[in-house]
Amino acid sequence: MGIIDGTNKVGPGLNGRPKTAVAEYDFAVDGGAVGAITLRGDKLPAGAIIVDSLVHVRTKPESAGEATVLLTAETDGDLQASKKVSEAPWSTATPKRGAVTATGTPVTTTAERSIVAKVGTAPLTKGKFSVVVTYLEVA
């Protein structure tokens, strides 16, 4: 079920709670060409204040070359900086913290945004991961 607009916003007299957006990448479905790949799943609304991000690598991304992957919501690499697939967070099939954490600087979207993976240097030949973003909507 998708996110329902207007629910759980934070503001005077409102009982706001953090919301979660989940996006998925699967090489078998999405391919692995160099460039931007819009991930399947929830979109972030305009004005979302991203307070936390997780990357759950289910199948390690692989490449015939030295492919890099970064994750974006608002600006390049704001959810995960560009890293080679042989480096963390991509190198092991486990959940990891993304670039935005509860103790770091939040990211605010200026328009409705999809979560995007950007592949660089060489195409991917394998991989599957989920991105989980926790955000607030302020009324």
Protein backbone atom coordinates (compact mmCIF):
# COMPACT_ATOMS: atom_id res chain seq x y z
CA MET A 1 0.00 0.00 0.00
CA GLY A 2 1.34 3.42 -0.91
CA ILE A 3 1.69 6.47 1.28
CA ILE A 4 -1.60 8.30 1.93
CA ASP A 5 -1.26 12.04 1.32
CA GLY A 6 -2.01 14.34 4.24
CA THR A 7 -1.75 11.79 7.04
CA ASN A 8 0.60 12.05 10.01
CA LYS A 9 1.88 15.54 9.20
CA VAL A 10 3.78 17.38 11.92
CA GLY A 11 2.46 20.79 12.96
CA PRO A 12 0.48 22.68 15.62
CA GLY A 13 -2.37 20.50 16.86
CA LEU A 14 -1.38 17.58 14.61
CA ASN A 15 -0.17 14.20 15.80
CA GLY A 16 2.61 13.73 13.26
CA ARG A 17 4.73 10.61 13.09
CA PRO A 18 7.68 9.74 10.89
CA LYS A 19 6.79 8.13 7.59
CA THR A 20 8.75 5.58 5.61
CA ALA A 21 9.33 5.32 1.87
CA VAL A 22 10.71 2.09 0.42
CA ALA A 23 12.24 1.71 -3.05
CA GLU A 24 13.60 -1.43 -4.72
CA TYR A 25 16.30 -2.26 -7.25
CA ASP A 26 16.64 -5.69 -8.88
CA PHE A 27 19.02 -6.22 -11.80
CA ALA A 28 16.69 -8.88 -13.24
CA VAL A 29 13.89 -6.27 -13.48
CA ASP A 30 15.67 -2.91 -13.76
CA GLY A 31 18.82 -3.74 -15.73
CA GLY A 32 22.15 -2.18 -14.84
CA ALA A 33 23.06 0.35 -17.53
CA VAL A 34 25.32 3.28 -16.68
CA GLY A 35 23.13 6.25 -15.79
CA ALA A 36 20.12 7.01 -13.59
CA ILE A 37 17.74 4.19 -12.65
CA THR A 38 14.52 5.29 -10.97
CA LEU A 39 13.83 2.75 -8.26
CA ARG A 40 10.45 1.06 -7.98
CA GLY A 41 8.37 1.94 -4.93
CA ASP A 42 7.28 4.94 -2.92
CA LYS A 43 7.93 8.53 -3.91
CA LEU A 44 8.87 11.23 -1.43
CA PRO A 45 6.46 14.19 -1.29
CA ALA A 46 7.56 17.79 -1.81
CA GLY A 47 8.82 19.21 1.48
CA ALA A 48 9.70 15.82 2.98
CA ILE A 49 12.40 16.19 5.62
CA ILE A 50 14.51 13.04 5.36
CA VAL A 51 15.87 12.10 8.79
CA ASP A 52 17.22 8.58 8.22
CA SER A 53 18.20 6.21 5.40
CA LEU A 54 19.01 2.51 5.18
CA VAL A 55 20.36 0.39 2.35
CA HIS A 56 19.51 -3.31 2.52
CA VAL A 57 21.71 -5.18 0.06
CA ARG A 58 20.08 -8.53 -0.68
CA THR A 59 22.35 -9.58 -3.56
CA LYS A 60 25.69 -7.80 -3.90
CA PRO A 61 25.90 -5.69 -7.06
CA GLU A 62 28.53 -6.92 -9.50
CA SER A 63 30.13 -5.55 -12.64
CA ALA A 64 32.61 -6.63 -15.29
CA GLY A 65 34.39 -3.33 -14.55
CA GLU A 66 34.68 -1.04 -11.54
CA ALA A 67 31.03 0.07 -11.40
CA THR A 68 30.00 2.68 -8.86
CA VAL A 69 26.54 3.26 -7.40
CA LEU A 70 25.13 6.28 -5.57
CA LEU A 71 21.64 6.93 -4.21
CA THR A 72 19.75 10.16 -4.60
CA ALA A 73 16.55 11.75 -3.35
CA GLU A 74 17.15 15.50 -3.80
CA THR A 75 20.80 15.86 -4.90
CA ASP A 76 23.41 13.38 -6.14
CA GLY A 77 24.59 11.09 -3.37
CA ASP A 78 22.49 12.59 -0.59
CA LEU A 79 21.23 9.12 0.47
CA GLN A 80 24.47 7.25 -0.34
CA ALA A 81 27.68 8.65 -1.79
CA SER A 82 29.14 7.05 -4.89
CA LYS A 83 31.05 3.88 -3.99
CA LYS A 84 32.53 1.05 -6.02
CA VAL A 85 30.52 -2.16 -5.85
CA SER A 86 33.55 -3.74 -4.14
CA GLU A 87 33.23 -1.20 -1.26
CA ALA A 88 30.71 -0.75 1.54
CA PRO A 89 27.76 -0.55 1.51
CA TRP A 90 27.58 -2.66 -1.66
CA SER A 91 30.22 -5.29 -0.84
CA THR A 92 28.16 -7.40 1.60
CA ALA A 93 24.57 -8.60 1.58
CA THR A 94 23.36 -6.98 4.79
CA PRO A 95 21.44 -3.86 5.87
CA LYS A 96 23.52 -0.70 6.43
CA ARG A 97 23.01 2.96 7.29
CA GLY A 98 22.84 5.35 4.37
CA ALA A 99 24.31 8.85 4.33
CA VAL A 100 21.35 10.46 6.15
CA THR A 101 21.17 9.38 9.78
CA ALA A 102 19.19 10.55 12.80
CA THR A 103 22.26 12.42 14.10
CA GLY A 104 23.27 14.05 10.80
CA THR A 105 21.95 16.88 8.67
CA PRO A 106 18.47 16.15 7.23
CA VAL A 107 17.69 16.48 3.52
CA THR A 108 14.55 18.33 2.39
CA THR A 109 12.88 17.63 -0.95
CA THR A 110 11.87 20.64 -3.06
CA ALA A 111 9.43 18.64 -5.22
CA GLU A 112 7.97 15.14 -5.28
CA ARG A 113 10.95 12.82 -5.78
CA SER A 114 11.61 9.20 -6.63
CA ILE A 115 14.61 7.48 -5.12
CA VAL A 116 17.21 7.06 -7.86
CA ALA A 117 20.31 4.88 -8.16
CA LYS A 118 23.02 6.24 -10.42
CA VAL A 119 25.41 3.68 -11.91
CA GLY A 120 28.78 4.98 -13.05
CA THR A 121 31.97 3.78 -14.75
CA ALA A 122 30.64 0.37 -15.93
CA PRO A 123 27.26 -1.38 -16.15
CA LEU A 124 26.06 -3.68 -13.39
CA THR A 125 25.68 -7.38 -14.16
CA LYS A 126 23.95 -8.42 -10.94
CA GLY A 127 22.43 -7.03 -7.76
CA LYS A 128 19.34 -6.51 -5.65
CA PHE A 129 18.78 -3.96 -2.87
CA SER A 130 16.15 -1.94 -1.03
CA VAL A 131 16.37 1.66 0.15
CA VAL A 132 14.37 2.68 3.21
CA VAL A 133 13.95 6.40 3.91
CA THR A 134 12.37 7.82 7.06
CA TYR A 135 10.97 11.32 6.71
CA LEU A 136 8.70 13.94 8.27
CA GLU A 137 6.06 16.10 6.60
CA VAL A 138 5.60 19.49 8.19
CA ALA A 139 2.20 21.14 7.82
